[in-house]
Amino acid sequence: MMAFSMTSPAEIVQAISDRLKQRRIDAGLTQRELAERAGVPYGSLRVLEDKGKASLEAVVKVAFALQAEAEFEMLFPPRRAMTIDDVIEQPKRQRPKRQRARRPFAASGEVGRT
């Protein structure tokens, strides 16, 4: 399997739709045949191949129809368990400091009295 060497989400989407199309062609299927096998509308498959837009459910159905469902196992693998020492050494997430709201000025110029 080739690794993604893209730098943006749009490039990854394009690469996946190109791979999907090539896999369909290699299987000797037309778009209509694959759409029927996958149980997705033909128009949805066309948009998936052309623009990379589809629901996750449609992508999974197409992957099953192309016998490519095993590749989903590598998507979002679980992270390795951390020891308590790893957690302690991990830098704290930086949060912006919150500022207090200022009290409105009264007409007489006194602060906080209404």
PDB file of N, CA and C in Angstrom:
ATOM      1  N   MET A   1       0.843  -1.175   0.000  1.00  0.00           N
ATOM      2  CA  MET A   1       0.000   0.000   0.000  1.00  0.00           C
ATOM      3  C   MET A   1       0.887   1.237   0.000  1.00  0.00           C
ATOM      4  N   MET A   2       0.553   2.198  -0.820  1.00  0.00           N
ATOM      5  CA  MET A   2       1.322   3.429  -0.906  1.00  0.00           C
ATOM      6  C   MET A   2       0.921   4.370   0.223  1.00  0.00           C
ATOM      7  N   ALA A   3       1.917   5.037   0.786  1.00  0.00           N
ATOM      8  CA  ALA A   3       1.645   6.005   1.849  1.00  0.00           C
ATOM      9  C   ALA A   3       1.215   7.324   1.226  1.00  0.00           C
ATOM     10  N   PHE A   4       0.398   8.049   1.957  1.00  0.00           N
ATOM     11  CA  PHE A   4      -0.012   9.364   1.493  1.00  0.00           C
ATOM     12  C   PHE A   4       1.149  10.325   1.684  1.00  0.00           C
ATOM     13  N   SER A   5       1.470  11.068   0.658  1.00  0.00           N
ATOM     14  CA  SER A   5       2.506  12.089   0.789  1.00  0.00           C
ATOM     15  C   SER A   5       1.901  13.453   0.478  1.00  0.00           C
ATOM     16  N   MET A   6       0.621  13.598   0.757  1.00  0.00           N
ATOM     17  CA  MET A   6      -0.078  14.835   0.477  1.00  0.00           C
ATOM     18  C   MET A   6       0.095  15.800   1.635  1.00  0.00           C
ATOM     19  N   THR A   7      -0.178  17.040   1.363  1.00  0.00           N
ATOM     20  CA  THR A   7      -0.016  18.051   2.396  1.00  0.00           C
ATOM     21  C   THR A   7      -1.322  18.697   2.812  1.00  0.00           C
ATOM     22  N   SER A   8      -2.429  18.334   2.207  1.00  0.00           N
ATOM     23  CA  SER A   8      -3.699  18.962   2.576  1.00  0.00           C
ATOM     24  C   SER A   8      -4.826  17.936   2.503  1.00  0.00           C
ATOM     25  N   PRO A   9      -5.921  18.197   3.210  1.00  0.00           N
ATOM     26  CA  PRO A   9      -7.080  17.305   3.123  1.00  0.00           C
ATOM     27  C   PRO A   9      -7.580  17.142   1.690  1.00  0.00           C
ATOM     28  N   ALA A  10      -7.565  18.220   0.914  1.00  0.00           N
ATOM     29  CA  ALA A  10      -8.041  18.142  -0.476  1.00  0.00           C
ATOM     30  C   ALA A  10      -7.199  17.175  -1.295  1.00  0.00           C
ATOM     31  N   GLU A  11      -5.889  17.160  -1.061  1.00  0.00           N
ATOM     32  CA  GLU A  11      -5.019  16.235  -1.797  1.00  0.00           C
ATOM     33  C   GLU A  11      -5.268  14.795  -1.390  1.00  0.00           C
ATOM     34  N   ILE A  12      -5.543  14.557  -0.125  1.00  0.00           N
ATOM     35  CA  ILE A  12      -5.837  13.200   0.337  1.00  0.00           C
ATOM     36  C   ILE A  12      -7.155  12.725  -0.258  1.00  0.00           C
ATOM     37  N   VAL A  13      -8.163  13.584  -0.261  1.00  0.00           N
ATOM     38  CA  VAL A  13      -9.464  13.239  -0.855  1.00  0.00           C
ATOM     39  C   VAL A  13      -9.283  12.885  -2.325  1.00  0.00           C
ATOM     40  N   GLN A  14      -8.521  13.685  -3.045  1.00  0.00           N
ATOM     41  CA  GLN A  14      -8.293  13.430  -4.467  1.00  0.00           C
ATOM     42  C   GLN A  14      -7.561  12.103  -4.670  1.00  0.00           C
ATOM     43  N   ALA A  15      -6.571  11.824  -3.849  1.00  0.00           N
ATOM     44  CA  ALA A  15      -5.818  10.576  -3.977  1.00  0.00           C
ATOM     45  C   ALA A  15      -6.710   9.363  -3.708  1.00  0.00           C
ATOM     46  N   ILE A  16      -7.571   9.461  -2.698  1.00  0.00           N
ATOM     47  CA  ILE A  16      -8.476   8.346  -2.389  1.00  0.00           C
ATOM     48  C   ILE A  16      -9.456   8.125  -3.525  1.00  0.00           C
ATOM     49  N   SER A  17     -10.023   9.200  -4.067  1.00  0.00           N
ATOM     50  CA  SER A  17     -10.983   9.024  -5.162  1.00  0.00           C
ATOM     51  C   SER A  17     -10.285   8.473  -6.411  1.00  0.00           C
ATOM     52  N   ASP A  18      -9.031   8.880  -6.655  1.00  0.00           N
ATOM     53  CA  ASP A  18      -8.277   8.327  -7.787  1.00  0.00           C
ATOM     54  C   ASP A  18      -8.003   6.833  -7.588  1.00  0.00           C
ATOM     55  N   ARG A  19      -7.636   6.451  -6.357  1.00  0.00           N
ATOM     56  CA  ARG A  19      -7.378   5.027  -6.066  1.00  0.00           C
ATOM     57  C   ARG A  19      -8.650   4.202  -6.220  1.00  0.00           C
ATOM     58  N   LEU A  20      -9.760   4.757  -5.729  1.00  0.00           N
ATOM     59  CA  LEU A  20     -11.036   4.061  -5.841  1.00  0.00           C
ATOM     60  C   LEU A  20     -11.380   3.819  -7.313  1.00  0.00           C
ATOM     61  N   LYS A  21     -11.236   4.850  -8.118  1.00  0.00           N
ATOM     62  CA  LYS A  21     -11.539   4.728  -9.544  1.00  0.00           C
ATOM     63  C   LYS A  21     -10.639   3.685 -10.203  1.00  0.00           C
ATOM     64  N   GLN A  22      -9.341   3.709  -9.882  1.00  0.00           N
ATOM     65  CA  GLN A  22      -8.427   2.739 -10.472  1.00  0.00           C
ATOM     66  C   GLN A  22      -8.769   1.317 -10.036  1.00  0.00           C
ATOM     67  N   ARG A  23      -9.158   1.162  -8.788  1.00  0.00           N
ATOM     68  CA  ARG A  23      -9.543  -0.175  -8.289  1.00  0.00           C
ATOM     69  C   ARG A  23     -10.784  -0.681  -9.023  1.00  0.00           C
ATOM     70  N   ARG A  24     -11.732   0.229  -9.275  1.00  0.00           N
ATOM     71  CA  ARG A  24     -12.942  -0.150 -10.027  1.00  0.00           C
ATOM     72  C   ARG A  24     -12.580  -0.582 -11.432  1.00  0.00           C
ATOM     73  N   ILE A  25     -11.718   0.191 -12.096  1.00  0.00           N
ATOM     74  CA  ILE A  25     -11.303  -0.133 -13.464  1.00  0.00           C
ATOM     75  C   ILE A  25     -10.562  -1.469 -13.492  1.00  0.00           C
ATOM     76  N   ASP A  26      -9.658  -1.671 -12.514  1.00  0.00           N
ATOM     77  CA  ASP A  26      -8.917  -2.939 -12.438  1.00  0.00           C
ATOM     78  C   ASP A  26      -9.845  -4.132 -12.238  1.00  0.00           C
ATOM     79  N   ALA A  27     -10.975  -3.901 -11.559  1.00  0.00           N
ATOM     80  CA  ALA A  27     -11.956  -4.974 -11.337  1.00  0.00           C
ATOM     81  C   ALA A  27     -12.847  -5.183 -12.555  1.00  0.00           C
ATOM     82  N   GLY A  28     -12.689  -4.338 -13.566  1.00  0.00           N
ATOM     83  CA  GLY A  28     -13.482  -4.472 -14.788  1.00  0.00           C
ATOM     84  C   GLY A  28     -14.932  -4.058 -14.617  1.00  0.00           C
ATOM     85  N   LEU A  29     -15.172  -3.124 -13.719  1.00  0.00           N
ATOM     86  CA  LEU A  29     -16.544  -2.683 -13.440  1.00  0.00           C
ATOM     87  C   LEU A  29     -16.783  -1.284 -13.984  1.00  0.00           C
ATOM     88  N   THR A  30     -18.000  -1.059 -14.446  1.00  0.00           N
ATOM     89  CA  THR A  30     -18.416   0.291 -14.804  1.00  0.00           C
ATOM     90  C   THR A  30     -18.881   0.982 -13.530  1.00  0.00           C
ATOM     91  N   GLN A  31     -19.068   2.285 -13.606  1.00  0.00           N
ATOM     92  CA  GLN A  31     -19.583   3.014 -12.450  1.00  0.00           C
ATOM     93  C   GLN A  31     -20.967   2.498 -12.067  1.00  0.00           C
ATOM     94  N   ARG A  32     -21.791   2.235 -13.064  1.00  0.00           N
ATOM     95  CA  ARG A  32     -23.153   1.727 -12.781  1.00  0.00           C
ATOM     96  C   ARG A  32     -23.098   0.361 -12.088  1.00  0.00           C
ATOM     97  N   GLU A  33     -22.224  -0.511 -12.563  1.00  0.00           N
ATOM     98  CA  GLU A  33     -22.108  -1.847 -11.958  1.00  0.00           C
ATOM     99  C   GLU A  33     -21.624  -1.753 -10.511  1.00  0.00           C
ATOM    100  N   LEU A  34     -20.622  -0.917 -10.265  1.00  0.00           N
ATOM    101  CA  LEU A  34     -20.114  -0.774  -8.901  1.00  0.00           C
ATOM    102  C   LEU A  34     -21.170  -0.156  -7.993  1.00  0.00           C
ATOM    103  N   ALA A  35     -21.861   0.850  -8.482  1.00  0.00           N
ATOM    104  CA  ALA A  35     -22.916   1.482  -7.683  1.00  0.00           C
ATOM    105  C   ALA A  35     -23.981   0.459  -7.296  1.00  0.00           C
ATOM    106  N   GLU A  36     -24.356  -0.383  -8.240  1.00  0.00           N
ATOM    107  CA  GLU A  36     -25.365  -1.412  -7.954  1.00  0.00           C
ATOM    108  C   GLU A  36     -24.843  -2.406  -6.921  1.00  0.00           C
ATOM    109  N   ARG A  37     -23.620  -2.875  -7.106  1.00  0.00           N
ATOM    110  CA  ARG A  37     -23.034  -3.829  -6.149  1.00  0.00           C
ATOM    111  C   ARG A  37     -22.908  -3.240  -4.756  1.00  0.00           C
ATOM    112  N   ALA A  38     -22.561  -1.959  -4.711  1.00  0.00           N
ATOM    113  CA  ALA A  38     -22.348  -1.306  -3.418  1.00  0.00           C
ATOM    114  C   ALA A  38     -23.656  -0.862  -2.768  1.00  0.00           C
ATOM    115  N   GLY A  39     -24.716  -0.767  -3.549  1.00  0.00           N
ATOM    116  CA  GLY A  39     -25.984  -0.297  -3.000  1.00  0.00           C
ATOM    117  C   GLY A  39     -26.005   1.200  -2.771  1.00  0.00           C
ATOM    118  N   VAL A  40     -25.298   1.919  -3.638  1.00  0.00           N
ATOM    119  CA  VAL A  40     -25.309   3.385  -3.558  1.00  0.00           C
ATOM    120  C   VAL A  40     -25.838   3.929  -4.884  1.00  0.00           C
ATOM    121  N   PRO A  41     -26.427   5.103  -4.875  1.00  0.00           N
ATOM    122  CA  PRO A  41     -26.907   5.674  -6.135  1.00  0.00           C
ATOM    123  C   PRO A  41     -25.750   5.911  -7.115  1.00  0.00           C
ATOM    124  N   TYR A  42     -26.037   5.708  -8.374  1.00  0.00           N
ATOM    125  CA  TYR A  42     -25.036   5.911  -9.430  1.00  0.00           C
ATOM    126  C   TYR A  42     -24.457   7.322  -9.375  1.00  0.00           C
ATOM    127  N   GLY A  43     -25.314   8.312  -9.202  1.00  0.00           N
ATOM    128  CA  GLY A  43     -24.851   9.702  -9.125  1.00  0.00           C
ATOM    129  C   GLY A  43     -23.887   9.920  -7.966  1.00  0.00           C
ATOM    130  N   SER A  44     -24.137   9.250  -6.844  1.00  0.00           N
ATOM    131  CA  SER A  44     -23.242   9.378  -5.686  1.00  0.00           C
ATOM    132  C   SER A  44     -21.866   8.807  -5.994  1.00  0.00           C
ATOM    133  N   LEU A  45     -21.837   7.699  -6.691  1.00  0.00           N
ATOM    134  CA  LEU A  45     -20.549   7.101  -7.055  1.00  0.00           C
ATOM    135  C   LEU A  45     -19.787   8.007  -8.017  1.00  0.00           C
ATOM    136  N   ARG A  46     -20.499   8.585  -8.967  1.00  0.00           N
ATOM    137  CA  ARG A  46     -19.852   9.507  -9.911  1.00  0.00           C
ATOM    138  C   ARG A  46     -19.228  10.689  -9.182  1.00  0.00           C
ATOM    139  N   VAL A  47     -19.981  11.271  -8.261  1.00  0.00           N
ATOM    140  CA  VAL A  47     -19.475  12.414  -7.499  1.00  0.00           C
ATOM    141  C   VAL A  47     -18.291  11.978  -6.628  1.00  0.00           C
ATOM    142  N   LEU A  48     -18.354  10.797  -6.059  1.00  0.00           N
ATOM    143  CA  LEU A  48     -17.255  10.281  -5.253  1.00  0.00           C
ATOM    144  C   LEU A  48     -15.981  10.158  -6.081  1.00  0.00           C
ATOM    145  N   GLU A  49     -16.081   9.594  -7.270  1.00  0.00           N
ATOM    146  CA  GLU A  49     -14.909   9.443  -8.129  1.00  0.00           C
ATOM    147  C   GLU A  49     -14.423  10.780  -8.690  1.00  0.00           C
ATOM    148  N   ASP A  50     -15.348  11.646  -9.050  1.00  0.00           N
ATOM    149  CA  ASP A  50     -14.970  12.905  -9.702  1.00  0.00           C
ATOM    150  C   ASP A  50     -14.518  13.986  -8.723  1.00  0.00           C
ATOM    151  N   LYS A  51     -15.230  14.104  -7.597  1.00  0.00           N
ATOM    152  CA  LYS A  51     -14.965  15.213  -6.680  1.00  0.00           C
ATOM    153  C   LYS A  51     -14.555  14.773  -5.285  1.00  0.00           C
ATOM    154  N   GLY A  52     -14.625  13.465  -5.019  1.00  0.00           N
ATOM    155  CA  GLY A  52     -14.248  12.967  -3.699  1.00  0.00           C
ATOM    156  C   GLY A  52     -15.260  13.271  -2.624  1.00  0.00           C
ATOM    157  N   LYS A  53     -16.496  13.535  -3.004  1.00  0.00           N
ATOM    158  CA  LYS A  53     -17.534  13.884  -2.028  1.00  0.00           C
ATOM    159  C   LYS A  53     -18.537  12.745  -1.914  1.00  0.00           C
ATOM    160  N   ALA A  54     -18.720  12.276  -0.687  1.00  0.00           N
ATOM    161  CA  ALA A  54     -19.682  11.205  -0.413  1.00  0.00           C
ATOM    162  C   ALA A  54     -19.799  11.055   1.094  1.00  0.00           C
ATOM    163  N   SER A  55     -20.848  10.396   1.516  1.00  0.00           N
ATOM    164  CA  SER A  55     -20.975  10.115   2.948  1.00  0.00           C
ATOM    165  C   SER A  55     -19.991   9.008   3.312  1.00  0.00           C
ATOM    166  N   LEU A  56     -19.640   8.950   4.573  1.00  0.00           N
ATOM    167  CA  LEU A  56     -18.755   7.886   5.037  1.00  0.00           C
ATOM    168  C   LEU A  56     -19.400   6.527   4.776  1.00  0.00           C
ATOM    169  N   GLU A  57     -20.703   6.447   4.958  1.00  0.00           N
ATOM    170  CA  GLU A  57     -21.417   5.193   4.723  1.00  0.00           C
ATOM    171  C   GLU A  57     -21.258   4.755   3.268  1.00  0.00           C
ATOM    172  N   ALA A  58     -21.380   5.677   2.323  1.00  0.00           N
ATOM    173  CA  ALA A  58     -21.228   5.335   0.906  1.00  0.00           C
ATOM    174  C   ALA A  58     -19.804   4.866   0.605  1.00  0.00           C
ATOM    175  N   VAL A  59     -18.819   5.533   1.197  1.00  0.00           N
ATOM    176  CA  VAL A  59     -17.427   5.143   0.979  1.00  0.00           C
ATOM    177  C   VAL A  59     -17.190   3.725   1.494  1.00  0.00           C
ATOM    178  N   VAL A  60     -17.728   3.407   2.659  1.00  0.00           N
ATOM    179  CA  VAL A  60     -17.555   2.071   3.226  1.00  0.00           C
ATOM    180  C   VAL A  60     -18.255   1.029   2.358  1.00  0.00           C
ATOM    181  N   LYS A  61     -19.452   1.332   1.870  1.00  0.00           N
ATOM    182  CA  LYS A  61     -20.169   0.390   0.999  1.00  0.00           C
ATOM    183  C   LYS A  61     -19.386   0.121  -0.283  1.00  0.00           C
ATOM    184  N   VAL A  62     -18.825   1.164  -0.865  1.00  0.00           N
ATOM    185  CA  VAL A  62     -18.031   1.003  -2.086  1.00  0.00           C
ATOM    186  C   VAL A  62     -16.774   0.188  -1.781  1.00  0.00           C
ATOM    187  N   ALA A  63     -16.148   0.444  -0.648  1.00  0.00           N
ATOM    188  CA  ALA A  63     -14.959  -0.317  -0.261  1.00  0.00           C
ATOM    189  C   ALA A  63     -15.288  -1.803  -0.129  1.00  0.00           C
ATOM    190  N   PHE A  64     -16.423  -2.119   0.480  1.00  0.00           N
ATOM    191  CA  PHE A  64     -16.826  -3.522   0.590  1.00  0.00           C
ATOM    192  C   PHE A  64     -17.051  -4.129  -0.790  1.00  0.00           C
ATOM    193  N   ALA A  65     -17.696  -3.401  -1.668  1.00  0.00           N
ATOM    194  CA  ALA A  65     -17.962  -3.912  -3.017  1.00  0.00           C
ATOM    195  C   ALA A  65     -16.665  -4.149  -3.792  1.00  0.00           C
ATOM    196  N   LEU A  66     -15.634  -3.379  -3.483  1.00  0.00           N
ATOM    197  CA  LEU A  66     -14.334  -3.542  -4.143  1.00  0.00           C
ATOM    198  C   LEU A  66     -13.385  -4.443  -3.344  1.00  0.00           C
ATOM    199  N   GLN A  67     -13.908  -5.057  -2.285  1.00  0.00           N
ATOM    200  CA  GLN A  67     -13.128  -5.923  -1.398  1.00  0.00           C
ATOM    201  C   GLN A  67     -11.918  -5.187  -0.832  1.00  0.00           C
ATOM    202  N   ALA A  68     -12.145  -3.954  -0.424  1.00  0.00           N
ATOM    203  CA  ALA A  68     -11.082  -3.121   0.135  1.00  0.00           C
ATOM    204  C   ALA A  68     -11.395  -2.698   1.572  1.00  0.00           C
ATOM    205  N   GLU A  69     -12.302  -3.409   2.218  1.00  0.00           N
ATOM    206  CA  GLU A  69     -12.713  -3.002   3.567  1.00  0.00           C
ATOM    207  C   GLU A  69     -11.608  -3.193   4.602  1.00  0.00           C
ATOM    208  N   ALA A  70     -10.685  -4.100   4.362  1.00  0.00           N
ATOM    209  CA  ALA A  70      -9.612  -4.343   5.336  1.00  0.00           C
ATOM    210  C   ALA A  70      -8.746  -3.102   5.535  1.00  0.00           C
ATOM    211  N   GLU A  71      -8.653  -2.254   4.531  1.00  0.00           N
ATOM    212  CA  GLU A  71      -7.840  -1.052   4.640  1.00  0.00           C
ATOM    213  C   GLU A  71      -8.359  -0.084   5.697  1.00  0.00           C
ATOM    214  N   PHE A  72      -9.633  -0.195   6.053  1.00  0.00           N
ATOM    215  CA  PHE A  72     -10.186   0.678   7.084  1.00  0.00           C
ATOM    216  C   PHE A  72      -9.612   0.361   8.463  1.00  0.00           C
ATOM    217  N   GLU A  73      -9.063  -0.836   8.633  1.00  0.00           N
ATOM    218  CA  GLU A  73      -8.442  -1.204   9.911  1.00  0.00           C
ATOM    219  C   GLU A  73      -7.280  -0.272  10.247  1.00  0.00           C
ATOM    220  N   MET A  74      -6.612   0.260   9.230  1.00  0.00           N
ATOM    221  CA  MET A  74      -5.451   1.115   9.454  1.00  0.00           C
ATOM    222  C   MET A  74      -5.838   2.579   9.667  1.00  0.00           C
ATOM    223  N   LEU A  75      -7.095   2.906   9.469  1.00  0.00           N
ATOM    224  CA  LEU A  75      -7.567   4.273   9.646  1.00  0.00           C
ATOM    225  C   LEU A  75      -7.855   4.507  11.123  1.00  0.00           C
ATOM    226  N   PHE A  76      -7.248   5.495  11.716  1.00  0.00           N
ATOM    227  CA  PHE A  76      -7.402   5.818  13.131  1.00  0.00           C
ATOM    228  C   PHE A  76      -7.057   4.641  14.053  1.00  0.00           C
ATOM    229  N   PRO A  77      -5.849   4.113  13.972  1.00  0.00           N
ATOM    230  CA  PRO A  77      -5.494   3.007  14.873  1.00  0.00           C
ATOM    231  C   PRO A  77      -5.481   3.505  16.320  1.00  0.00           C
ATOM    232  N   PRO A  78      -5.725   2.609  17.275  1.00  0.00           N
ATOM    233  CA  PRO A  78      -5.698   3.050  18.674  1.00  0.00           C
ATOM    234  C   PRO A  78      -4.283   3.500  19.058  1.00  0.00           C
ATOM    235  N   ARG A  79      -4.226   4.506  19.892  1.00  0.00           N
ATOM    236  CA  ARG A  79      -2.920   4.979  20.353  1.00  0.00           C
ATOM    237  C   ARG A  79      -2.368   4.025  21.393  1.00  0.00           C
ATOM    238  N   ARG A  80      -1.065   3.983  21.475  1.00  0.00           N
ATOM    239  CA  ARG A  80      -0.442   3.094  22.461  1.00  0.00           C
ATOM    240  C   ARG A  80      -0.736   3.619  23.859  1.00  0.00           C
ATOM    241  N   ALA A  81      -0.807   2.721  24.781  1.00  0.00           N
ATOM    242  CA  ALA A  81      -1.065   3.107  26.159  1.00  0.00           C
ATOM    243  C   ALA A  81       0.136   3.870  26.702  1.00  0.00           C
ATOM    244  N   MET A  82      -0.137   4.870  27.493  1.00  0.00           N
ATOM    245  CA  MET A  82       0.929   5.688  28.077  1.00  0.00           C
ATOM    246  C   MET A  82       1.099   5.316  29.543  1.00  0.00           C
ATOM    247  N   THR A  83       2.323   5.428  30.010  1.00  0.00           N
ATOM    248  CA  THR A  83       2.569   5.242  31.435  1.00  0.00           C
ATOM    249  C   THR A  83       2.261   6.556  32.139  1.00  0.00           C
ATOM    250  N   ILE A  84       2.146   6.513  33.442  1.00  0.00           N
ATOM    251  CA  ILE A  84       1.892   7.730  34.199  1.00  0.00           C
ATOM    252  C   ILE A  84       3.062   8.695  34.041  1.00  0.00           C
ATOM    253  N   ASP A  85       4.286   8.160  33.908  1.00  0.00           N
ATOM    254  CA  ASP A  85       5.457   9.020  33.705  1.00  0.00           C
ATOM    255  C   ASP A  85       5.365   9.767  32.380  1.00  0.00           C
ATOM    256  N   ASP A  86       4.872   9.083  31.324  1.00  0.00           N
ATOM    257  CA  ASP A  86       4.691   9.746  30.031  1.00  0.00           C
ATOM    258  C   ASP A  86       3.701  10.895  30.152  1.00  0.00           C
ATOM    259  N   VAL A  87       2.638  10.678  30.893  1.00  0.00           N
ATOM    260  CA  VAL A  87       1.607  11.701  31.065  1.00  0.00           C
ATOM    261  C   VAL A  87       2.170  12.896  31.823  1.00  0.00           C
ATOM    262  N   ILE A  88       2.950  12.628  32.856  1.00  0.00           N
ATOM    263  CA  ILE A  88       3.526  13.706  33.665  1.00  0.00           C
ATOM    264  C   ILE A  88       4.502  14.538  32.840  1.00  0.00           C
ATOM    265  N   GLU A  89       5.292  13.885  32.005  1.00  0.00           N
ATOM    266  CA  GLU A  89       6.294  14.587  31.209  1.00  0.00           C
ATOM    267  C   GLU A  89       5.699  15.323  30.013  1.00  0.00           C
ATOM    268  N   GLN A  90       4.497  14.986  29.645  1.00  0.00           N
ATOM    269  CA  GLN A  90       3.865  15.614  28.492  1.00  0.00           C
ATOM    270  C   GLN A  90       3.580  17.083  28.802  1.00  0.00           C
ATOM    271  N   PRO A  91       3.909  17.989  27.876  1.00  0.00           N
ATOM    272  CA  PRO A  91       3.651  19.407  28.164  1.00  0.00           C
ATOM    273  C   PRO A  91       2.153  19.669  28.302  1.00  0.00           C
ATOM    274  N   LYS A  92       1.853  20.605  29.201  1.00  0.00           N
ATOM    275  CA  LYS A  92       0.447  20.962  29.401  1.00  0.00           C
ATOM    276  C   LYS A  92      -0.058  21.710  28.189  1.00  0.00           C
ATOM    277  N   ARG A  93      -1.305  21.497  27.890  1.00  0.00           N
ATOM    278  CA  ARG A  93      -1.949  22.196  26.790  1.00  0.00           C
ATOM    279  C   ARG A  93      -2.057  23.668  27.142  1.00  0.00           C
ATOM    280  N   GLN A  94      -1.633  24.501  26.249  1.00  0.00           N
ATOM    281  CA  GLN A  94      -1.672  25.933  26.491  1.00  0.00           C
ATOM    282  C   GLN A  94      -3.061  26.476  26.195  1.00  0.00           C
ATOM    283  N   ARG A  95      -3.614  27.161  27.160  1.00  0.00           N
ATOM    284  CA  ARG A  95      -4.915  27.798  26.979  1.00  0.00           C
ATOM    285  C   ARG A  95      -4.731  29.298  27.121  1.00  0.00           C
ATOM    286  N   PRO A  96      -5.449  30.067  26.317  1.00  0.00           N
ATOM    287  CA  PRO A  96      -5.339  31.516  26.482  1.00  0.00           C
ATOM    288  C   PRO A  96      -5.919  31.920  27.830  1.00  0.00           C
ATOM    289  N   LYS A  97      -5.292  32.903  28.451  1.00  0.00           N
ATOM    290  CA  LYS A  97      -5.789  33.376  29.742  1.00  0.00           C
ATOM    291  C   LYS A  97      -7.083  34.139  29.530  1.00  0.00           C
ATOM    292  N   ARG A  98      -8.006  33.873  30.410  1.00  0.00           N
ATOM    293  CA  ARG A  98      -9.294  34.553  30.330  1.00  0.00           C
ATOM    294  C   ARG A  98      -9.182  35.919  30.976  1.00  0.00           C
ATOM    295  N   GLN A  99      -9.854  36.880  30.385  1.00  0.00           N
ATOM    296  CA  GLN A  99      -9.873  38.215  30.949  1.00  0.00           C
ATOM    297  C   GLN A  99     -11.213  38.452  31.619  1.00  0.00           C
ATOM    298  N   ARG A 100     -11.143  39.193  32.681  1.00  0.00           N
ATOM    299  CA  ARG A 100     -12.389  39.534  33.373  1.00  0.00           C
ATOM    300  C   ARG A 100     -13.117  40.621  32.605  1.00  0.00           C
ATOM    301  N   ALA A 101     -14.405  40.546  32.656  1.00  0.00           N
ATOM    302  CA  ALA A 101     -15.214  41.590  32.032  1.00  0.00           C
ATOM    303  C   ALA A 101     -15.116  42.852  32.876  1.00  0.00           C
ATOM    304  N   ARG A 102     -15.088  43.970  32.221  1.00  0.00           N
ATOM    305  CA  ARG A 102     -15.034  45.240  32.942  1.00  0.00           C
ATOM    306  C   ARG A 102     -16.425  45.648  33.375  1.00  0.00           C
ATOM    307  N   ARG A 103     -16.447  46.309  34.491  1.00  0.00           N
ATOM    308  CA  ARG A 103     -17.731  46.814  34.975  1.00  0.00           C
ATOM    309  C   ARG A 103     -18.112  48.038  34.158  1.00  0.00           C
ATOM    310  N   PRO A 104     -19.378  48.174  33.866  1.00  0.00           N
ATOM    311  CA  PRO A 104     -19.801  49.346  33.094  1.00  0.00           C
ATOM    312  C   PRO A 104     -19.676  50.615  33.938  1.00  0.00           C
ATOM    313  N   PHE A 105     -19.361  51.724  33.296  1.00  0.00           N
ATOM    314  CA  PHE A 105     -19.259  53.011  33.977  1.00  0.00           C
ATOM    315  C   PHE A 105     -20.643  53.626  34.118  1.00  0.00           C
ATOM    316  N   ALA A 106     -20.892  54.195  35.258  1.00  0.00           N
ATOM    317  CA  ALA A 106     -22.152  54.908  35.491  1.00  0.00           C
ATOM    318  C   ALA A 106     -22.028  56.289  34.858  1.00  0.00           C
ATOM    319  N   ALA A 107     -23.139  56.945  34.673  1.00  0.00           N
ATOM    320  CA  ALA A 107     -23.161  58.270  34.054  1.00  0.00           C
ATOM    321  C   ALA A 107     -22.326  59.285  34.844  1.00  0.00           C
ATOM    322  N   SER A 108     -22.252  59.091  36.155  1.00  0.00           N
ATOM    323  CA  SER A 108     -21.510  60.037  36.986  1.00  0.00           C
ATOM    324  C   SER A 108     -20.009  59.731  36.976  1.00  0.00           C
ATOM    325  N   GLY A 109     -19.616  58.664  36.348  1.00  0.00           N
ATOM    326  CA  GLY A 109     -18.199  58.316  36.269  1.00  0.00           C
ATOM    327  C   GLY A 109     -17.754  57.350  37.341  1.00  0.00           C
ATOM    328  N   GLU A 110     -18.660  56.966  38.242  1.00  0.00           N
ATOM    329  CA  GLU A 110     -18.300  55.994  39.288  1.00  0.00           C
ATOM    330  C   GLU A 110     -18.318  54.596  38.698  1.00  0.00           C
ATOM    331  N   VAL A 111     -17.374  53.810  39.121  1.00  0.00           N
ATOM    332  CA  VAL A 111     -17.247  52.442  38.602  1.00  0.00           C
ATOM    333  C   VAL A 111     -18.154  51.522  39.389  1.00  0.00           C
ATOM    334  N   GLY A 112     -18.913  50.701  38.674  1.00  0.00           N
ATOM    335  CA  GLY A 112     -19.660  49.612  39.279  1.00  0.00           C
ATOM    336  C   GLY A 112     -20.933  49.995  40.010  1.00  0.00           C
ATOM    337  N   ARG A 113     -21.281  51.235  40.062  1.00  0.00           N
ATOM    338  CA  ARG A 113     -22.519  51.614  40.764  1.00  0.00           C
ATOM    339  C   ARG A 113     -23.559  52.044  39.742  1.00  0.00           C
ATOM    340  N   THR A 114     -24.732  51.559  39.942  1.00  0.00           N
ATOM    341  CA  THR A 114     -25.823  51.913  39.036  1.00  0.00           C
ATOM    342  C   THR A 114     -26.990  52.479  39.768  1.00  0.00           C
TER     343      THR A 114
END
